[in-house]
Amino acid sequence: LHEDRPNGVMAFERVFDGEPRMVCVVNAGRGSWAGGEYGVWVGSGRLREVFCSQAPELGGMEGQVSNGDGVQDSADGKLWISLPMQSTLLFEEVYE
């Protein structure tokens, strides 16, 4: 879905019959973006973050910001997210 070599960011999706689409975003780089500054190509859809490897309860680095559990709509094919450094985020498509 998404490849940003200079920043070390990629995204891919998994789709199985009868299950919601899942989008995985991997930031292998040291850059971070807060306040919905990073645009990830996902196509259309409404997505909710269900996992962030930098979450405090998982021992994440202090000061890293994720997207919470609110539903976000894609705009022009991109999902605008907060993306912590050296993290993996998992989003689930919402069909409500």
C-alpha atoms as a PDB file:
ATOM      1  CA  LEU A   1       0.000   0.000   0.000  1.00  0.00           C
ATOM      2  CA  HIS A   2       2.664   2.495   1.044  1.00  0.00           C
ATOM      3  CA  GLU A   3       6.439   2.767   0.737  1.00  0.00           C
ATOM      4  CA  ASP A   4       8.491   5.712   1.976  1.00  0.00           C
ATOM      5  CA  ARG A   5      12.131   4.615   1.762  1.00  0.00           C
ATOM      6  CA  PRO A   6      13.737   7.904   2.862  1.00  0.00           C
ATOM      7  CA  ASN A   7      11.817   7.792   6.163  1.00  0.00           C
ATOM      8  CA  GLY A   8      11.798   3.995   6.600  1.00  0.00           C
ATOM      9  CA  VAL A   9       7.993   3.704   6.577  1.00  0.00           C
ATOM     10  CA  MET A  10       5.858   1.066   4.852  1.00  0.00           C
ATOM     11  CA  ALA A  11       2.275  -0.155   5.060  1.00  0.00           C
ATOM     12  CA  PHE A  12       0.497  -3.291   3.916  1.00  0.00           C
ATOM     13  CA  GLU A  13      -2.984  -4.740   4.289  1.00  0.00           C
ATOM     14  CA  ARG A  14      -4.482  -8.128   5.045  1.00  0.00           C
ATOM     15  CA  VAL A  15      -7.969  -9.038   3.893  1.00  0.00           C
ATOM     16  CA  PHE A  16      -9.786 -12.284   4.681  1.00  0.00           C
ATOM     17  CA  ASP A  17     -13.368 -13.207   3.757  1.00  0.00           C
ATOM     18  CA  GLY A  18     -15.761 -12.291   6.536  1.00  0.00           C
ATOM     19  CA  GLU A  19     -13.155 -10.312   8.497  1.00  0.00           C
ATOM     20  CA  PRO A  20     -12.446  -6.558   8.550  1.00  0.00           C
ATOM     21  CA  ARG A  21      -9.524  -5.288   6.490  1.00  0.00           C
ATOM     22  CA  MET A  22      -6.393  -4.743   8.587  1.00  0.00           C
ATOM     23  CA  VAL A  23      -3.709  -2.194   7.699  1.00  0.00           C
ATOM     24  CA  CYS A  24      -0.256  -2.505   9.266  1.00  0.00           C
ATOM     25  CA  VAL A  25       2.050   0.550   9.285  1.00  0.00           C
ATOM     26  CA  VAL A  26       5.721  -0.010  10.140  1.00  0.00           C
ATOM     27  CA  ASN A  27       8.039   2.894  10.942  1.00  0.00           C
ATOM     28  CA  ALA A  28      11.557   1.435  11.019  1.00  0.00           C
ATOM     29  CA  GLY A  29      13.047   4.923  11.042  1.00  0.00           C
ATOM     30  CA  ARG A  30      13.897   7.399  13.765  1.00  0.00           C
ATOM     31  CA  GLY A  31      11.488  10.097  12.574  1.00  0.00           C
ATOM     32  CA  SER A  32       8.168  10.664  14.334  1.00  0.00           C
ATOM     33  CA  TRP A  33       5.080  12.642  13.399  1.00  0.00           C
ATOM     34  CA  ALA A  34       2.412  13.874  15.810  1.00  0.00           C
ATOM     35  CA  GLY A  35      -0.954  15.554  15.336  1.00  0.00           C
ATOM     36  CA  GLY A  36      -1.939  13.582  12.228  1.00  0.00           C
ATOM     37  CA  GLU A  37       0.975  14.904  10.166  1.00  0.00           C
ATOM     38  CA  TYR A  38       1.917  11.704   8.315  1.00  0.00           C
ATOM     39  CA  GLY A  39      -0.132  10.541   5.315  1.00  0.00           C
ATOM     40  CA  VAL A  40      -0.220   6.788   4.636  1.00  0.00           C
ATOM     41  CA  TRP A  41      -1.666   5.537   1.335  1.00  0.00           C
ATOM     42  CA  VAL A  42      -4.551   3.205   2.261  1.00  0.00           C
ATOM     43  CA  GLY A  43      -7.122   3.845  -0.456  1.00  0.00           C
ATOM     44  CA  SER A  44     -10.613   4.501   0.858  1.00  0.00           C
ATOM     45  CA  GLY A  45     -12.052   3.524   4.202  1.00  0.00           C
ATOM     46  CA  ARG A  46     -12.623   4.305   7.855  1.00  0.00           C
ATOM     47  CA  LEU A  47      -9.996   2.887  10.160  1.00  0.00           C
ATOM     48  CA  ARG A  48      -9.376   2.618  13.903  1.00  0.00           C
ATOM     49  CA  GLU A  49      -5.999   2.010  15.541  1.00  0.00           C
ATOM     50  CA  VAL A  50      -6.082  -1.248  17.507  1.00  0.00           C
ATOM     51  CA  PHE A  51      -2.358  -1.642  18.301  1.00  0.00           C
ATOM     52  CA  CYS A  52       0.687   0.604  18.747  1.00  0.00           C
ATOM     53  CA  SER A  53       4.010  -0.934  19.732  1.00  0.00           C
ATOM     54  CA  GLN A  54       5.038   2.362  21.386  1.00  0.00           C
ATOM     55  CA  ALA A  55       2.034   2.360  23.750  1.00  0.00           C
ATOM     56  CA  PRO A  56       3.031   3.089  27.371  1.00  0.00           C
ATOM     57  CA  GLU A  57       1.449  -0.159  28.606  1.00  0.00           C
ATOM     58  CA  LEU A  58       3.794  -2.047  26.260  1.00  0.00           C
ATOM     59  CA  GLY A  59       6.890  -0.219  27.485  1.00  0.00           C
ATOM     60  CA  GLY A  60       7.009   2.296  24.621  1.00  0.00           C
ATOM     61  CA  MET A  61       9.358   5.261  24.570  1.00  0.00           C
ATOM     62  CA  GLU A  62       8.230   8.245  26.604  1.00  0.00           C
ATOM     63  CA  GLY A  63       6.670  11.110  24.664  1.00  0.00           C
ATOM     64  CA  GLN A  64       5.571   9.074  21.624  1.00  0.00           C
ATOM     65  CA  VAL A  65       2.024   9.861  20.438  1.00  0.00           C
ATOM     66  CA  SER A  66      -0.343   7.372  18.803  1.00  0.00           C
ATOM     67  CA  ASN A  67      -3.849   7.793  17.378  1.00  0.00           C
ATOM     68  CA  GLY A  68      -5.986   6.511  20.251  1.00  0.00           C
ATOM     69  CA  ASP A  69      -8.988   4.362  19.463  1.00  0.00           C
ATOM     70  CA  GLY A  70     -11.085   6.872  17.506  1.00  0.00           C
ATOM     71  CA  VAL A  71     -12.276   6.182  13.969  1.00  0.00           C
ATOM     72  CA  GLN A  72     -10.447   8.083  11.210  1.00  0.00           C
ATOM     73  CA  ASP A  73     -11.627   8.610   7.641  1.00  0.00           C
ATOM     74  CA  SER A  74      -9.174   8.448   4.756  1.00  0.00           C
ATOM     75  CA  ALA A  75      -8.927  11.569   2.614  1.00  0.00           C
ATOM     76  CA  ASP A  76      -7.759  11.470  -1.014  1.00  0.00           C
ATOM     77  CA  GLY A  77      -6.566   7.896  -0.500  1.00  0.00           C
ATOM     78  CA  LYS A  78      -4.485   8.692   2.583  1.00  0.00           C
ATOM     79  CA  LEU A  79      -4.978   8.145   6.285  1.00  0.00           C
ATOM     80  CA  TRP A  80      -3.415  11.057   8.185  1.00  0.00           C
ATOM     81  CA  ILE A  81      -1.935   9.648  11.362  1.00  0.00           C
ATOM     82  CA  SER A  82       0.431  10.316  14.237  1.00  0.00           C
ATOM     83  CA  LEU A  83       3.374   7.959  13.743  1.00  0.00           C
ATOM     84  CA  PRO A  84       5.827   7.277  16.581  1.00  0.00           C
ATOM     85  CA  MET A  85       9.448   6.467  15.779  1.00  0.00           C
ATOM     86  CA  GLN A  86      10.468   2.815  15.492  1.00  0.00           C
ATOM     87  CA  SER A  87       6.898   1.569  15.809  1.00  0.00           C
ATOM     88  CA  THR A  88       4.329  -0.768  14.357  1.00  0.00           C
ATOM     89  CA  LEU A  89       0.702   0.335  14.199  1.00  0.00           C
ATOM     90  CA  LEU A  90      -2.267  -1.842  13.299  1.00  0.00           C
ATOM     91  CA  PHE A  91      -5.528  -0.373  12.021  1.00  0.00           C
ATOM     92  CA  GLU A  92      -8.862  -2.180  11.576  1.00  0.00           C
ATOM     93  CA  GLU A  93     -11.391  -1.023   8.988  1.00  0.00           C
ATOM     94  CA  VAL A  94     -14.711   0.045  10.504  1.00  0.00           C
ATOM     95  CA  TYR A  95     -17.937  -0.512   8.560  1.00  0.00           C
ATOM     96  CA  GLU A  96     -20.406   1.453  10.718  1.00  0.00           C
END
